[in-house]
N, C-alpha and C. Protein backbone atom coordinates (compact mmCIF):
# COMPACT_ATOMS: atom_id res chain seq x y z
N MET A 1 16.33 -12.09 -9.49
CA MET A 1 17.86 -12.51 -9.57
C MET A 1 18.11 -12.52 -8.41
N SER A 2 19.14 -13.36 -7.98
CA SER A 2 19.67 -13.73 -6.78
C SER A 2 21.16 -12.95 -6.49
N ASP A 3 21.33 -12.38 -5.21
CA ASP A 3 22.26 -11.56 -4.92
C ASP A 3 23.61 -12.63 -4.43
N SER A 4 23.13 -13.95 -4.29
CA SER A 4 24.11 -14.81 -3.71
C SER A 4 25.27 -14.96 -4.57
N PRO A 5 26.69 -15.41 -4.03
CA PRO A 5 27.47 -15.67 -4.98
C PRO A 5 27.47 -16.88 -5.76
N SER A 6 28.03 -16.73 -6.99
CA SER A 6 28.04 -18.02 -7.76
C SER A 6 29.46 -17.95 -8.28
N PHE A 7 29.84 -19.44 -8.31
CA PHE A 7 31.31 -19.78 -8.70
C PHE A 7 31.35 -20.61 -9.98
N ASP A 8 32.44 -20.41 -10.65
CA ASP A 8 32.74 -21.57 -11.89
C ASP A 8 32.98 -22.72 -11.14
N ILE A 9 32.44 -23.69 -10.87
CA ILE A 9 32.75 -24.97 -10.40
C ILE A 9 33.96 -25.55 -11.02
N ASN A 10 34.23 -25.59 -12.26
CA ASN A 10 35.05 -26.16 -13.09
C ASN A 10 36.48 -25.56 -12.52
N ALA A 11 36.60 -24.20 -12.12
CA ALA A 11 37.87 -23.42 -11.96
C ALA A 11 38.04 -23.81 -10.44
N LEU A 12 37.09 -23.99 -9.52
CA LEU A 12 37.15 -24.54 -8.33
C LEU A 12 37.79 -25.82 -7.96
N THR A 13 36.98 -26.52 -9.00
CA THR A 13 37.58 -27.89 -8.90
C THR A 13 38.87 -28.11 -9.14
N ALA A 14 39.64 -27.50 -10.41
CA ALA A 14 40.79 -27.28 -10.78
C ALA A 14 41.73 -26.74 -9.51
N ARG A 15 41.46 -25.67 -8.95
CA ARG A 15 42.26 -25.13 -7.87
C ARG A 15 42.57 -26.12 -6.81
N MET A 16 40.99 -26.79 -6.55
CA MET A 16 41.27 -27.55 -5.24
C MET A 16 42.09 -28.95 -5.62
N HIS A 17 42.41 -29.33 -6.81
CA HIS A 17 43.20 -30.26 -7.36
C HIS A 17 44.64 -29.99 -6.98
N ASP A 18 44.78 -28.53 -7.48
CA ASP A 18 45.97 -28.13 -7.27
C ASP A 18 46.49 -27.88 -5.81
N LEU A 19 45.52 -27.41 -5.07
CA LEU A 19 45.78 -27.68 -3.84
C LEU A 19 46.23 -28.81 -3.08
N GLN A 20 45.45 -29.92 -3.51
CA GLN A 20 45.58 -31.13 -2.91
C GLN A 20 46.92 -31.71 -3.29
N GLY A 21 47.46 -31.17 -4.31
CA GLY A 21 48.98 -31.57 -4.81
C GLY A 21 49.85 -30.88 -3.95
N ARG A 22 49.68 -29.66 -3.64
CA ARG A 22 50.50 -28.95 -2.86
C ARG A 22 50.59 -29.62 -1.24
N LEU A 23 49.28 -29.89 -0.76
CA LEU A 23 49.25 -30.59 0.43
C LEU A 23 49.98 -31.85 0.52
N ALA A 24 49.86 -32.51 -0.57
CA ALA A 24 50.72 -33.79 -0.62
C ALA A 24 52.09 -33.52 -0.77
N GLY A 25 52.54 -32.49 -1.20
CA GLY A 25 54.13 -32.06 -1.19
C GLY A 25 54.45 -31.76 0.02
N LEU A 26 53.61 -31.43 1.05
CA LEU A 26 54.15 -31.26 2.26
C LEU A 26 54.56 -32.31 2.99
N GLY A 27 53.91 -33.42 2.80
CA GLY A 27 54.33 -34.75 3.21
C GLY A 27 55.57 -35.19 2.32
N GLY A 28 56.00 -34.65 1.39
CA GLY A 28 57.27 -35.15 0.42
C GLY A 28 58.24 -35.16 0.89
N MET A 29 58.57 -34.73 2.24
CA MET A 29 59.86 -34.86 2.73
C MET A 29 60.10 -36.23 3.43
N LYS A 30 59.24 -36.86 3.42
CA LYS A 30 59.28 -38.17 4.33
C LYS A 30 60.68 -38.80 4.01
N ASP A 31 61.20 -38.72 2.78
CA ASP A 31 62.24 -39.71 2.18
C ASP A 31 63.59 -38.78 2.00
N SER A 32 63.23 -37.50 2.55
CA SER A 32 64.75 -36.82 2.64
C SER A 32 65.33 -36.60 3.86
N GLU A 33 66.65 -36.14 3.71
CA GLU A 33 67.53 -35.72 5.09
C GLU A 33 67.87 -34.47 4.68
N MET A 34 67.97 -33.76 5.85
CA MET A 34 68.81 -32.19 6.12
C MET A 34 70.05 -32.25 6.38
N THR A 35 70.95 -31.67 5.96
CA THR A 35 72.53 -31.79 6.14
C THR A 35 73.10 -30.64 6.91
N GLY A 36 73.74 -30.80 7.99
CA GLY A 36 74.26 -29.38 8.45
C GLY A 36 75.80 -29.87 8.88
N HIS A 37 76.58 -28.78 8.64
CA HIS A 37 78.11 -28.84 8.75
C HIS A 37 78.48 -27.64 9.91
N ALA A 38 79.64 -28.23 10.28
CA ALA A 38 80.34 -27.35 11.21
C ALA A 38 81.89 -27.69 11.42
N GLY A 39 82.45 -26.64 11.50
CA GLY A 39 83.93 -26.56 11.55
C GLY A 39 84.28 -26.80 10.16
N GLY A 40 83.89 -25.91 9.30
CA GLY A 40 84.16 -25.97 7.84
C GLY A 40 84.15 -27.36 7.05
N GLY A 41 83.09 -28.06 7.70
CA GLY A 41 82.81 -29.40 6.98
C GLY A 41 83.49 -30.37 7.83
N LEU A 42 84.38 -30.30 8.70
CA LEU A 42 84.84 -31.23 9.47
C LEU A 42 83.84 -32.07 10.29
N VAL A 43 82.71 -31.81 10.49
CA VAL A 43 81.85 -32.41 11.01
C VAL A 43 80.39 -32.18 10.09
N THR A 44 79.73 -33.53 9.97
CA THR A 44 78.36 -33.50 9.12
C THR A 44 77.60 -34.19 9.70
N ALA A 45 76.07 -33.85 9.99
CA ALA A 45 75.18 -34.28 10.70
C ALA A 45 74.03 -34.42 9.60
N LYS A 46 73.28 -35.23 9.62
CA LYS A 46 72.13 -35.59 8.77
C LYS A 46 71.18 -35.77 9.78
N VAL A 47 69.79 -35.28 9.57
CA VAL A 47 68.51 -35.51 10.42
C VAL A 47 67.27 -35.86 9.41
N ASN A 48 66.60 -36.81 10.00
CA ASN A 48 65.34 -37.00 8.93
C ASN A 48 64.28 -36.18 9.23
N PRO A 49 63.39 -36.26 8.42
CA PRO A 49 62.08 -35.05 8.50
C PRO A 49 61.44 -34.80 10.09
N ASP A 50 61.89 -35.86 10.77
CA ASP A 50 61.19 -35.61 11.91
C ASP A 50 62.42 -35.00 12.95
N GLY A 51 63.59 -34.70 12.38
CA GLY A 51 64.61 -34.18 13.19
C GLY A 51 65.32 -34.83 13.89
N ILE A 52 65.33 -36.20 13.75
CA ILE A 52 66.19 -37.22 14.36
C ILE A 52 67.35 -37.55 13.67
N LEU A 53 68.53 -37.44 14.60
CA LEU A 53 69.81 -37.43 13.83
C LEU A 53 70.15 -38.99 13.31
N THR A 54 70.45 -39.16 11.96
CA THR A 54 70.20 -40.29 11.14
C THR A 54 71.99 -40.90 10.72
N SER A 55 72.79 -39.77 10.87
CA SER A 55 74.05 -40.00 10.48
C SER A 55 75.08 -38.65 10.98
N LEU A 56 76.12 -39.03 11.44
CA LEU A 56 77.31 -38.25 11.96
C LEU A 56 78.56 -38.78 11.36
N ARG A 57 79.29 -37.55 10.77
CA ARG A 57 80.40 -38.06 10.08
C ARG A 57 81.48 -36.84 10.83
N VAL A 58 82.53 -37.43 11.08
CA VAL A 58 83.54 -36.60 12.33
C VAL A 58 84.94 -36.94 11.32
N ASP A 59 85.47 -35.81 11.02
CA ASP A 59 86.78 -36.02 10.54
C ASP A 59 87.90 -36.23 11.50
N PRO A 60 88.62 -37.45 11.30
CA PRO A 60 89.43 -37.72 12.36
C PRO A 60 90.30 -36.65 12.83
N SER A 61 90.77 -35.76 12.11
CA SER A 61 91.55 -34.65 12.74
C SER A 61 91.00 -33.86 13.80
N VAL A 62 89.56 -33.98 13.87
CA VAL A 62 88.84 -33.25 15.01
C VAL A 62 89.00 -33.87 16.29
N ILE A 63 89.29 -35.21 16.32
CA ILE A 63 89.40 -35.77 17.40
C ILE A 63 90.70 -35.63 18.18
N ASP A 64 90.42 -35.08 19.34
CA ASP A 64 91.82 -34.66 20.30
C ASP A 64 91.03 -35.12 21.57
N PRO A 65 91.88 -36.31 22.32
CA PRO A 65 91.55 -36.64 23.77
C PRO A 65 91.89 -35.58 24.59
N ASP A 66 92.58 -34.54 24.23
CA ASP A 66 92.85 -33.52 25.16
C ASP A 66 91.96 -32.42 25.16
N ASP A 67 91.09 -32.49 24.14
CA ASP A 67 90.28 -31.29 23.94
C ASP A 67 88.73 -31.88 23.36
N PRO A 68 87.95 -32.57 24.48
CA PRO A 68 86.81 -33.13 23.85
C PRO A 68 85.74 -32.11 24.00
N GLN A 69 85.88 -31.09 24.53
CA GLN A 69 84.89 -29.88 24.32
C GLN A 69 84.74 -29.53 22.87
N THR A 70 85.55 -29.36 21.95
CA THR A 70 85.70 -28.77 20.94
C THR A 70 84.82 -29.64 19.97
N LEU A 71 85.16 -31.03 20.17
CA LEU A 71 84.36 -31.61 19.32
C LEU A 71 82.80 -32.01 19.61
N GLU A 72 82.50 -31.83 20.90
CA GLU A 72 81.09 -31.60 21.38
C GLU A 72 80.61 -30.44 20.77
N ASP A 73 81.01 -29.25 20.92
CA ASP A 73 80.61 -28.26 20.36
C ASP A 73 80.24 -28.19 18.70
N LEU A 74 81.09 -29.12 18.03
CA LEU A 74 81.06 -28.91 16.60
C LEU A 74 79.94 -30.27 16.38
N VAL A 75 79.74 -31.06 17.11
CA VAL A 75 78.72 -31.99 16.89
C VAL A 75 77.44 -31.19 17.24
N ILE A 76 77.15 -30.66 18.22
CA ILE A 76 76.04 -29.75 18.45
C ILE A 76 75.79 -28.78 17.41
N ALA A 77 76.61 -28.22 16.97
CA ALA A 77 76.67 -26.97 15.94
C ALA A 77 76.12 -27.71 14.68
N ALA A 78 76.76 -29.11 14.03
CA ALA A 78 76.38 -29.52 12.72
C ALA A 78 74.89 -29.96 12.90
N VAL A 79 74.34 -30.60 14.21
CA VAL A 79 73.10 -31.22 14.35
C VAL A 79 72.15 -30.12 14.10
N SER A 80 72.29 -29.05 14.92
CA SER A 80 71.65 -27.65 15.09
C SER A 80 71.40 -26.97 13.60
N SER A 81 72.44 -27.20 12.75
CA SER A 81 72.30 -26.67 11.55
C SER A 81 71.66 -27.34 10.60
N ALA A 82 71.58 -28.59 10.69
CA ALA A 82 70.66 -29.63 9.95
C ALA A 82 69.27 -29.45 10.35
N GLN A 83 69.04 -29.41 11.89
CA GLN A 83 67.58 -29.09 12.08
C GLN A 83 67.17 -27.65 11.88
N SER A 84 68.05 -26.81 11.63
CA SER A 84 67.62 -25.20 11.09
C SER A 84 67.28 -25.39 9.71
N THR A 85 67.82 -26.13 9.04
CA THR A 85 67.61 -26.31 7.43
C THR A 85 66.26 -27.14 7.29
N LEU A 86 66.06 -28.17 8.29
CA LEU A 86 64.84 -28.71 8.29
C LEU A 86 63.59 -27.68 8.39
N ARG A 87 63.77 -27.09 9.40
CA ARG A 87 62.75 -26.02 9.87
C ARG A 87 62.53 -24.90 8.87
N GLU A 88 63.65 -24.58 7.96
CA GLU A 88 63.56 -23.42 7.11
C GLU A 88 62.57 -24.11 5.92
N MET A 89 62.85 -25.22 5.72
CA MET A 89 62.29 -26.15 4.36
C MET A 89 60.88 -26.12 4.67
N ARG A 90 60.41 -26.51 6.03
CA ARG A 90 59.09 -26.93 6.47
C ARG A 90 58.33 -25.53 6.28
N ALA A 91 58.89 -24.52 6.99
CA ALA A 91 58.35 -23.19 6.86
C ALA A 91 58.12 -22.72 5.26
N LYS A 92 59.06 -22.74 4.53
CA LYS A 92 58.67 -22.58 3.09
C LYS A 92 57.46 -23.58 2.53
N GLN A 93 57.45 -24.57 2.94
CA GLN A 93 56.52 -25.62 2.15
C GLN A 93 55.05 -24.96 2.70
N VAL A 94 55.11 -24.63 4.11
CA VAL A 94 53.73 -24.11 4.61
C VAL A 94 53.46 -22.87 3.87
N GLY A 95 54.30 -21.87 3.99
CA GLY A 95 54.21 -20.61 3.47
C GLY A 95 53.63 -20.88 1.84
N ASP A 96 54.26 -21.64 1.19
CA ASP A 96 53.81 -21.72 -0.29
C ASP A 96 52.23 -22.22 -0.46
N PHE A 97 52.09 -23.24 0.42
CA PHE A 97 50.72 -23.93 0.68
C PHE A 97 49.61 -22.56 0.95
N THR A 98 50.24 -22.09 2.16
CA THR A 98 49.18 -20.92 2.70
C THR A 98 48.95 -19.73 1.65
N GLU A 99 49.99 -19.55 0.87
CA GLU A 99 49.80 -18.58 -0.46
C GLU A 99 48.99 -18.98 -1.28
N SER A 100 48.90 -20.39 -1.73
CA SER A 100 48.18 -21.30 -2.59
C SER A 100 46.57 -20.84 -2.10
N MET A 101 46.46 -21.14 -0.72
CA MET A 101 44.96 -21.06 -0.18
C MET A 101 44.42 -19.57 -0.31
N LEU A 102 45.38 -18.65 0.05
CA LEU A 102 44.93 -17.32 -0.34
C LEU A 102 44.69 -16.87 -1.73
N GLY A 103 45.56 -17.56 -2.54
CA GLY A 103 45.08 -17.25 -4.15
C GLY A 103 43.94 -17.86 -4.37
N LEU A 104 43.56 -19.08 -3.74
CA LEU A 104 42.11 -19.79 -4.20
C LEU A 104 41.07 -18.86 -3.55
N THR A 105 41.13 -18.53 -2.28
CA THR A 105 40.07 -17.16 -2.21
C THR A 105 40.02 -16.14 -2.67
N GLU A 106 41.39 -15.52 -3.21
CA GLU A 106 41.17 -14.37 -3.79
C GLU A 106 40.70 -14.30 -5.35
N GLY A 107 41.17 -15.66 -5.71
CA GLY A 107 40.66 -16.07 -7.19
C GLY A 107 39.17 -16.02 -7.10
N LEU A 108 38.49 -16.64 -6.04
CA LEU A 108 36.95 -16.98 -6.21
C LEU A 108 36.10 -15.81 -5.78
N ARG A 109 37.02 -14.72 -4.94
CA ARG A 109 36.40 -13.25 -4.87
C ARG A 109 36.42 -12.69 -5.93
N GLU A 110 37.46 -12.84 -6.78
CA GLU A 110 37.78 -12.10 -8.03
C GLU A 110 36.47 -12.41 -8.97
N GLU A 111 36.47 -13.65 -9.34
CA GLU A 111 35.52 -14.24 -9.94
C GLU A 111 34.20 -13.93 -9.90
N ASN A 112 33.69 -14.09 -8.45
CA ASN A 112 32.43 -13.33 -7.99
C ASN A 112 32.18 -11.98 -8.45
N LYS A 113 33.21 -11.27 -8.07
CA LYS A 113 33.10 -9.67 -8.36
C LYS A 113 32.80 -9.63 -9.97
N GLN A 114 33.55 -10.42 -10.74
CA GLN A 114 33.48 -10.20 -12.18
C GLN A 114 32.09 -10.58 -12.58
N GLN A 115 31.40 -11.59 -11.79
CA GLN A 115 30.21 -12.07 -12.36
C GLN A 115 29.08 -10.96 -11.68
N GLN A 116 29.24 -10.53 -10.60
CA GLN A 116 28.23 -9.74 -10.10
C GLN A 116 28.31 -8.54 -11.29
N ASN A 117 29.57 -7.90 -11.76
CA ASN A 117 29.72 -6.85 -12.40
C ASN A 117 28.85 -7.17 -13.76
N ALA A 118 29.23 -8.41 -14.01
CA ALA A 118 28.43 -8.81 -15.55
C ALA A 118 26.88 -8.81 -15.35
N ARG A 119 26.41 -9.06 -14.18
CA ARG A 119 24.84 -8.91 -13.98
C ARG A 119 24.49 -7.35 -13.99
N THR A 120 25.58 -6.66 -13.28
CA THR A 120 25.09 -5.32 -13.33
C THR A 120 24.84 -4.68 -14.63
N THR A 121 25.92 -4.87 -15.91
CA THR A 121 26.12 -4.31 -16.78
C THR A 121 25.18 -5.26 -17.92
N ASP A 122 24.88 -6.45 -17.52
CA ASP A 122 24.42 -7.24 -18.49
C ASP A 122 22.86 -7.98 -17.82
N PRO A 123 21.79 -7.36 -17.72
CA PRO A 123 20.71 -8.09 -16.94
C PRO A 123 20.45 -9.40 -16.93
N LEU A 124 20.73 -9.84 -18.38
CA LEU A 124 20.77 -11.47 -18.66
C LEU A 124 22.00 -12.31 -18.29
N GLY A 125 22.98 -11.56 -17.56
CA GLY A 125 24.43 -12.26 -17.38
C GLY A 125 24.21 -13.46 -16.60
N ALA A 126 23.21 -13.35 -15.17
CA ALA A 126 22.84 -14.27 -14.53
C ALA A 126 22.27 -15.56 -15.44
N LEU A 127 21.43 -15.38 -16.36
CA LEU A 127 20.84 -16.42 -17.17
C LEU A 127 22.11 -17.18 -17.92
N LYS A 128 22.81 -16.08 -18.51
CA LYS A 128 24.09 -16.72 -19.40
C LYS A 128 25.05 -17.63 -18.52
N THR A 129 25.20 -17.39 -17.01
CA THR A 129 26.14 -17.98 -16.43
C THR A 129 25.40 -19.34 -15.93
N LEU A 130 24.05 -19.44 -15.84
CA LEU A 130 23.12 -20.63 -15.68
C LEU A 130 23.57 -21.42 -17.07
N ALA A 131 23.22 -20.87 -18.16
CA ALA A 131 23.22 -21.55 -19.40
C ALA A 131 24.55 -21.99 -19.51
N ASP A 132 25.67 -21.64 -18.94
CA ASP A 132 27.09 -21.78 -19.24
C ASP A 132 27.11 -23.34 -18.51
N HIS A 133 26.46 -23.48 -17.38
CA HIS A 133 26.55 -24.71 -16.60
C HIS A 133 25.35 -25.53 -16.68
N GLY A 134 24.75 -25.52 -17.80
CA GLY A 134 23.84 -26.32 -18.31
C GLY A 134 22.22 -26.32 -17.71
N VAL A 135 21.91 -25.12 -17.01
CA VAL A 135 21.02 -25.04 -16.19
C VAL A 135 20.07 -24.22 -17.16
N THR A 136 18.62 -24.77 -17.65
CA THR A 136 17.64 -23.86 -18.37
C THR A 136 17.03 -23.20 -17.54
N PRO A 137 16.97 -21.93 -17.89
CA PRO A 137 15.98 -20.76 -17.04
C PRO A 137 14.55 -21.15 -17.16
N PRO A 138 13.64 -20.95 -16.40
CA PRO A 138 12.58 -21.09 -16.30
C PRO A 138 11.75 -20.34 -17.56
N PRO A 139 10.55 -20.86 -17.99
CA PRO A 139 9.90 -20.07 -19.20
C PRO A 139 9.45 -18.65 -18.57
N SER A 140 9.43 -17.61 -19.52
CA SER A 140 9.06 -16.34 -19.04
C SER A 140 7.42 -16.17 -18.91
N SER A 141 7.29 -15.51 -17.74
CA SER A 141 5.63 -15.15 -17.62
C SER A 141 5.35 -13.96 -18.84
N THR A 142 4.12 -14.11 -18.70
CA THR A 142 3.36 -13.06 -19.57
C THR A 142 2.62 -12.30 -18.80
N LYS A 143 1.82 -11.18 -19.01
CA LYS A 143 1.32 -10.25 -18.34
C LYS A 143 -0.03 -10.87 -18.04
N ASP A 144 -0.53 -11.86 -18.75
CA ASP A 144 -1.76 -12.65 -18.53
C ASP A 144 -1.64 -13.90 -17.43
N GLY A 145 -0.24 -14.00 -16.98
CA GLY A 145 -0.07 -15.12 -16.07
C GLY A 145 1.16 -15.84 -16.70
N PRO A 146 1.44 -16.75 -15.98
CA PRO A 146 2.44 -17.70 -16.45
C PRO A 146 2.40 -18.53 -17.89
N ALA A 147 3.61 -18.64 -18.41
CA ALA A 147 3.49 -19.06 -19.73
C ALA A 147 3.02 -20.48 -19.96
N PRO A 148 2.39 -20.86 -20.76
CA PRO A 148 2.04 -22.29 -21.02
C PRO A 148 2.88 -23.14 -21.04
N ARG A 149 2.65 -24.47 -20.74
CA ARG A 149 3.73 -25.33 -20.63
C ARG A 149 3.47 -26.47 -21.82
């Protein structure tokens, strides 16, 4: 009986497909834009997934030729807000994916532990696991030598 770990290949495959979907979701932001606001919504900025400014809306009431500094500050704040939203969304997606990866490894460890416990409590557990995967165990040996074929 081998002490090497064995895994349920079907469960592993299902988990890997799930992770592939989650990984593809990380790229799913490509068509989205993040929006940031400043001045109570008087200035609105949108950035694409690369953080590049794609849209800027300024309420005309904010435009004061005698006070350009206020408008500059509001524009910078709106763009920063949009980029911050983008960073938060990316961090959440990466965190979700990382959690999925940890779940995969924990699931495999738990599965391996259960299989080892089954072998400890049931000496034929390894053979049953093999049979579940379509592997036929070799014929038994007798005290007079190998079993006839």
